[in-house]
Amino acid sequence: MTRQKCTASLKKYGFCAVLAIIYAANLIMPSSRAALEILLCEIKSVIGLSSGAWKSTKPGKIGGLSFFNIIKILNNYGCNIAIVDLFVNKKGKTPTLNKWLKKIAANACYIVIVQKHVLFVETKRIKSKWKMYDQSGVHTKQNMKKMAQKGGHGGKHLQYVIQIL
């Protein structure tokens, strides 16, 4: 089953971390700016941000969350999580998103944090048939070439991976 996609009216807002939390905690997808504002107010209260946070920011920066804030919010919504240990090579680099996707487990859900972006990844019974969700829509293995191009997220090194159990 494909999860509900982000509506076209909300794609311009940079709330990728909030969107990943929506998918991980099975929350209702906001369908309007007003519904998004309500969800953001709820999230701000969980992590202790002032009510004015994100008000004056550009649409691309709304809902920016740190790794620790994501963990706190997931715990608030009762998500059972585990932090995935990432292999670091001799040069001190973690794997890229594309390399990591080749080794993920079947029947699993993850929140993946790469440089300046957060994605939600899920696999079903066949692990190579993963789906990755963000504001731009649903990505599959068929999108790998596009993700690996310059500016795509596929070539970025992982910073954190949170498994939703």
C-alpha atoms as a PDB file:
ATOM      1  CA  MET A   1       0.000   0.000   0.000  1.00  0.00           C
ATOM      2  CA  THR A   2       1.356   3.391  -0.978  1.00  0.00           C
ATOM      3  CA  ARG A   3       1.175   6.022   1.720  1.00  0.00           C
ATOM      4  CA  GLN A   4      -0.628   9.300   1.198  1.00  0.00           C
ATOM      5  CA  LYS A   5       1.527  11.802  -0.679  1.00  0.00           C
ATOM      6  CA  CYS A   6       2.143  15.388   0.292  1.00  0.00           C
ATOM      7  CA  THR A   7      -0.404  17.648  -1.392  1.00  0.00           C
ATOM      8  CA  ALA A   8       0.730  19.917  -4.230  1.00  0.00           C
ATOM      9  CA  SER A   9      -0.118  23.029  -2.192  1.00  0.00           C
ATOM     10  CA  LEU A  10       2.338  22.037   0.562  1.00  0.00           C
ATOM     11  CA  LYS A  11       5.277  20.880  -1.602  1.00  0.00           C
ATOM     12  CA  LYS A  12       6.907  24.322  -1.489  1.00  0.00           C
ATOM     13  CA  TYR A  13       7.234  24.215   2.298  1.00  0.00           C
ATOM     14  CA  GLY A  14      10.461  22.705   3.605  1.00  0.00           C
ATOM     15  CA  PHE A  15       8.985  20.425   6.225  1.00  0.00           C
ATOM     16  CA  CYS A  16      10.744  17.210   5.204  1.00  0.00           C
ATOM     17  CA  ALA A  17      11.498  16.182   8.804  1.00  0.00           C
ATOM     18  CA  VAL A  18       7.895  16.772   9.847  1.00  0.00           C
ATOM     19  CA  LEU A  19       6.718  14.810   6.803  1.00  0.00           C
ATOM     20  CA  ALA A  20       8.954  11.873   7.739  1.00  0.00           C
ATOM     21  CA  ILE A  21       7.497  11.970  11.258  1.00  0.00           C
ATOM     22  CA  ILE A  22       3.966  11.978   9.795  1.00  0.00           C
ATOM     23  CA  TYR A  23       4.782   8.787   7.875  1.00  0.00           C
ATOM     24  CA  ALA A  24       6.620   7.119  10.769  1.00  0.00           C
ATOM     25  CA  ALA A  25       3.928   7.836  13.370  1.00  0.00           C
ATOM     26  CA  ASN A  26       1.023   7.228  10.954  1.00  0.00           C
ATOM     27  CA  LEU A  27      -0.353  10.725  11.512  1.00  0.00           C
ATOM     28  CA  ILE A  28      -2.965  12.324   9.280  1.00  0.00           C
ATOM     29  CA  MET A  29      -1.382  14.091   6.303  1.00  0.00           C
ATOM     30  CA  PRO A  30      -2.145  17.837   6.401  1.00  0.00           C
ATOM     31  CA  SER A  31      -4.095  18.844   3.309  1.00  0.00           C
ATOM     32  CA  SER A  32      -3.860  22.614   3.680  1.00  0.00           C
ATOM     33  CA  ARG A  33      -1.620  25.328   5.072  1.00  0.00           C
ATOM     34  CA  ALA A  34      -3.973  25.673   8.082  1.00  0.00           C
ATOM     35  CA  ALA A  35      -3.729  21.949   8.872  1.00  0.00           C
ATOM     36  CA  LEU A  36       0.056  22.159   8.571  1.00  0.00           C
ATOM     37  CA  GLU A  37       0.124  25.121  10.990  1.00  0.00           C
ATOM     38  CA  ILE A  38      -1.876  23.113  13.554  1.00  0.00           C
ATOM     39  CA  LEU A  39       0.556  20.201  13.275  1.00  0.00           C
ATOM     40  CA  LEU A  40       3.555  22.536  13.551  1.00  0.00           C
ATOM     41  CA  CYS A  41       2.082  24.109  16.721  1.00  0.00           C
ATOM     42  CA  GLU A  42       1.703  20.641  18.225  1.00  0.00           C
ATOM     43  CA  ILE A  43       5.306  19.773  17.325  1.00  0.00           C
ATOM     44  CA  LYS A  44       6.598  23.076  18.729  1.00  0.00           C
ATOM     45  CA  SER A  45       4.936  22.332  22.064  1.00  0.00           C
ATOM     46  CA  VAL A  46       6.507  18.849  22.167  1.00  0.00           C
ATOM     47  CA  ILE A  47      10.058  20.131  21.640  1.00  0.00           C
ATOM     48  CA  GLY A  48       9.607  23.344  23.609  1.00  0.00           C
ATOM     49  CA  LEU A  49       9.932  25.904  20.816  1.00  0.00           C
ATOM     50  CA  SER A  50       8.308  29.292  21.165  1.00  0.00           C
ATOM     51  CA  SER A  51       5.025  29.816  19.352  1.00  0.00           C
ATOM     52  CA  GLY A  52       6.755  32.328  17.061  1.00  0.00           C
ATOM     53  CA  ALA A  53       9.278  29.799  15.760  1.00  0.00           C
ATOM     54  CA  TRP A  54       9.182  29.276  11.970  1.00  0.00           C
ATOM     55  CA  LYS A  55       6.722  32.224  11.539  1.00  0.00           C
ATOM     56  CA  SER A  56       9.110  34.555   9.710  1.00  0.00           C
ATOM     57  CA  THR A  57      11.135  31.927   7.891  1.00  0.00           C
ATOM     58  CA  LYS A  58      10.978  31.315   4.167  1.00  0.00           C
ATOM     59  CA  PRO A  59       8.653  28.489   3.067  1.00  0.00           C
ATOM     60  CA  GLY A  60      11.694  26.305   2.328  1.00  0.00           C
ATOM     61  CA  LYS A  61      12.834  26.465   5.962  1.00  0.00           C
ATOM     62  CA  ILE A  62       9.548  25.861   7.816  1.00  0.00           C
ATOM     63  CA  GLY A  63       9.689  22.941  10.214  1.00  0.00           C
ATOM     64  CA  GLY A  64      13.449  22.482  10.290  1.00  0.00           C
ATOM     65  CA  LEU A  65      14.245  19.915  12.991  1.00  0.00           C
ATOM     66  CA  SER A  66      17.454  18.530  14.441  1.00  0.00           C
ATOM     67  CA  PHE A  67      18.113  14.820  14.852  1.00  0.00           C
ATOM     68  CA  PHE A  68      17.473  15.064  18.596  1.00  0.00           C
ATOM     69  CA  ASN A  69      14.184  16.910  18.049  1.00  0.00           C
ATOM     70  CA  ILE A  70      13.068  14.175  15.640  1.00  0.00           C
ATOM     71  CA  ILE A  71      13.838  11.531  18.288  1.00  0.00           C
ATOM     72  CA  LYS A  72      11.916  13.492  20.928  1.00  0.00           C
ATOM     73  CA  ILE A  73       8.865  13.878  18.689  1.00  0.00           C
ATOM     74  CA  LEU A  74       8.873  10.210  17.671  1.00  0.00           C
ATOM     75  CA  ASN A  75       9.009   9.203  21.345  1.00  0.00           C
ATOM     76  CA  ASN A  76       6.117  11.592  22.076  1.00  0.00           C
ATOM     77  CA  TYR A  77       3.967   9.849  19.451  1.00  0.00           C
ATOM     78  CA  GLY A  78       4.823   6.442  20.921  1.00  0.00           C
ATOM     79  CA  CYS A  79       7.006   5.214  18.073  1.00  0.00           C
ATOM     80  CA  ASN A  80       9.308   2.338  18.910  1.00  0.00           C
ATOM     81  CA  ILE A  81      12.639   3.284  17.331  1.00  0.00           C
ATOM     82  CA  ALA A  82      16.255   2.211  17.045  1.00  0.00           C
ATOM     83  CA  ILE A  83      19.242   4.261  15.895  1.00  0.00           C
ATOM     84  CA  VAL A  84      21.071   2.412  13.118  1.00  0.00           C
ATOM     85  CA  ASP A  85      24.858   2.265  13.424  1.00  0.00           C
ATOM     86  CA  LEU A  86      26.382   3.418  10.170  1.00  0.00           C
ATOM     87  CA  PHE A  87      29.554   1.868   8.819  1.00  0.00           C
ATOM     88  CA  VAL A  88      32.321   4.455   8.512  1.00  0.00           C
ATOM     89  CA  ASN A  89      35.067   3.760   5.971  1.00  0.00           C
ATOM     90  CA  LYS A  90      38.801   4.467   6.327  1.00  0.00           C
ATOM     91  CA  LYS A  91      38.284   8.029   5.102  1.00  0.00           C
ATOM     92  CA  GLY A  92      35.728   8.652   7.844  1.00  0.00           C
ATOM     93  CA  LYS A  93      32.763   8.681   5.438  1.00  0.00           C
ATOM     94  CA  THR A  94      29.408   6.998   5.907  1.00  0.00           C
ATOM     95  CA  PRO A  95      27.753   5.265   2.935  1.00  0.00           C
ATOM     96  CA  THR A  96      25.801   7.267   0.399  1.00  0.00           C
ATOM     97  CA  LEU A  97      22.045   6.931   0.272  1.00  0.00           C
ATOM     98  CA  ASN A  98      22.240   4.864  -2.924  1.00  0.00           C
ATOM     99  CA  LYS A  99      24.719   2.378  -1.419  1.00  0.00           C
ATOM    100  CA  TRP A 100      22.745   2.111   1.812  1.00  0.00           C
ATOM    101  CA  LEU A 101      19.493   1.385  -0.075  1.00  0.00           C
ATOM    102  CA  LYS A 102      21.092  -1.723  -1.582  1.00  0.00           C
ATOM    103  CA  LYS A 103      21.638  -3.217   1.882  1.00  0.00           C
ATOM    104  CA  ILE A 104      18.433  -2.390   3.787  1.00  0.00           C
ATOM    105  CA  ALA A 105      16.301  -5.050   5.432  1.00  0.00           C
ATOM    106  CA  ALA A 106      12.923  -6.284   4.230  1.00  0.00           C
ATOM    107  CA  ASN A 107       9.713  -5.292   6.045  1.00  0.00           C
ATOM    108  CA  ALA A 108      11.282  -2.212   7.598  1.00  0.00           C
ATOM    109  CA  CYS A 109      10.703   1.546   7.857  1.00  0.00           C
ATOM    110  CA  TYR A 110      13.389   4.182   8.304  1.00  0.00           C
ATOM    111  CA  ILE A 111      13.841   7.906   8.683  1.00  0.00           C
ATOM    112  CA  VAL A 112      17.021   8.795   6.816  1.00  0.00           C
ATOM    113  CA  ILE A 113      18.867  12.060   7.353  1.00  0.00           C
ATOM    114  CA  VAL A 114      21.266  13.292   4.678  1.00  0.00           C
ATOM    115  CA  GLN A 115      22.762  16.756   4.316  1.00  0.00           C
ATOM    116  CA  LYS A 116      19.904  19.280   4.692  1.00  0.00           C
ATOM    117  CA  HIS A 117      17.158  16.730   3.948  1.00  0.00           C
ATOM    118  CA  VAL A 118      15.121  14.037   5.683  1.00  0.00           C
ATOM    119  CA  LEU A 119      13.458  11.119   3.903  1.00  0.00           C
ATOM    120  CA  PHE A 120      11.129   8.314   4.931  1.00  0.00           C
ATOM    121  CA  VAL A 121      12.016   4.894   3.472  1.00  0.00           C
ATOM    122  CA  GLU A 122       9.991   1.695   3.685  1.00  0.00           C
ATOM    123  CA  THR A 123      10.436  -1.798   2.347  1.00  0.00           C
ATOM    124  CA  LYS A 124       7.941  -4.602   2.085  1.00  0.00           C
ATOM    125  CA  ARG A 125       8.543  -8.324   1.752  1.00  0.00           C
ATOM    126  CA  ILE A 126      10.971  -7.815  -1.138  1.00  0.00           C
ATOM    127  CA  LYS A 127      13.643  -5.421   0.102  1.00  0.00           C
ATOM    128  CA  SER A 128      14.673  -4.238  -3.363  1.00  0.00           C
ATOM    129  CA  LYS A 129      11.163  -2.816  -3.848  1.00  0.00           C
ATOM    130  CA  TRP A 130      11.696   0.039  -1.415  1.00  0.00           C
ATOM    131  CA  LYS A 131       9.771   3.295  -1.526  1.00  0.00           C
ATOM    132  CA  MET A 132      11.152   6.625  -0.426  1.00  0.00           C
ATOM    133  CA  TYR A 133       8.887   9.555   0.461  1.00  0.00           C
ATOM    134  CA  ASP A 134       9.477  13.305   0.656  1.00  0.00           C
ATOM    135  CA  GLN A 135       7.677  16.474  -0.498  1.00  0.00           C
ATOM    136  CA  SER A 136       8.466  15.768  -4.126  1.00  0.00           C
ATOM    137  CA  GLY A 137       6.565  12.473  -3.997  1.00  0.00           C
ATOM    138  CA  VAL A 138       7.312   8.776  -3.959  1.00  0.00           C
ATOM    139  CA  HIS A 139      10.645   7.509  -5.270  1.00  0.00           C
ATOM    140  CA  THR A 140      11.462   3.914  -6.193  1.00  0.00           C
ATOM    141  CA  LYS A 141      14.404   2.000  -7.596  1.00  0.00           C
ATOM    142  CA  GLN A 142      13.463   3.295 -11.047  1.00  0.00           C
ATOM    143  CA  ASN A 143      14.370   6.820  -9.858  1.00  0.00           C
ATOM    144  CA  MET A 144      17.923   5.851  -8.837  1.00  0.00           C
ATOM    145  CA  LYS A 145      19.520   7.428 -11.905  1.00  0.00           C
ATOM    146  CA  LYS A 146      17.803  10.745 -11.253  1.00  0.00           C
ATOM    147  CA  MET A 147      18.688  10.623  -7.534  1.00  0.00           C
ATOM    148  CA  ALA A 148      22.362  10.019  -8.327  1.00  0.00           C
ATOM    149  CA  GLN A 149      22.648  13.093 -10.565  1.00  0.00           C
ATOM    150  CA  LYS A 150      24.256  16.277  -9.320  1.00  0.00           C
ATOM    151  CA  GLY A 151      22.036  17.863  -6.685  1.00  0.00           C
ATOM    152  CA  GLY A 152      20.166  14.596  -6.058  1.00  0.00           C
ATOM    153  CA  HIS A 153      20.021  13.010  -2.645  1.00  0.00           C
ATOM    154  CA  GLY A 154      21.269   9.580  -3.756  1.00  0.00           C
ATOM    155  CA  GLY A 155      24.928  10.613  -3.769  1.00  0.00           C
ATOM    156  CA  LYS A 156      24.807  12.302  -0.367  1.00  0.00           C
ATOM    157  CA  HIS A 157      26.373  10.601   2.636  1.00  0.00           C
ATOM    158  CA  LEU A 158      24.094   9.502   5.427  1.00  0.00           C
ATOM    159  CA  GLN A 159      24.219  11.433   8.678  1.00  0.00           C
ATOM    160  CA  TYR A 160      21.673   9.440  10.720  1.00  0.00           C
ATOM    161  CA  VAL A 161      19.277   6.556  10.188  1.00  0.00           C
ATOM    162  CA  ILE A 162      16.386   5.864  12.554  1.00  0.00           C
ATOM    163  CA  GLN A 163      14.571   2.548  12.188  1.00  0.00           C
ATOM    164  CA  ILE A 164      10.887   2.495  13.084  1.00  0.00           C
ATOM    165  CA  LEU A 165      10.206  -0.838  14.791  1.00  0.00           C
END
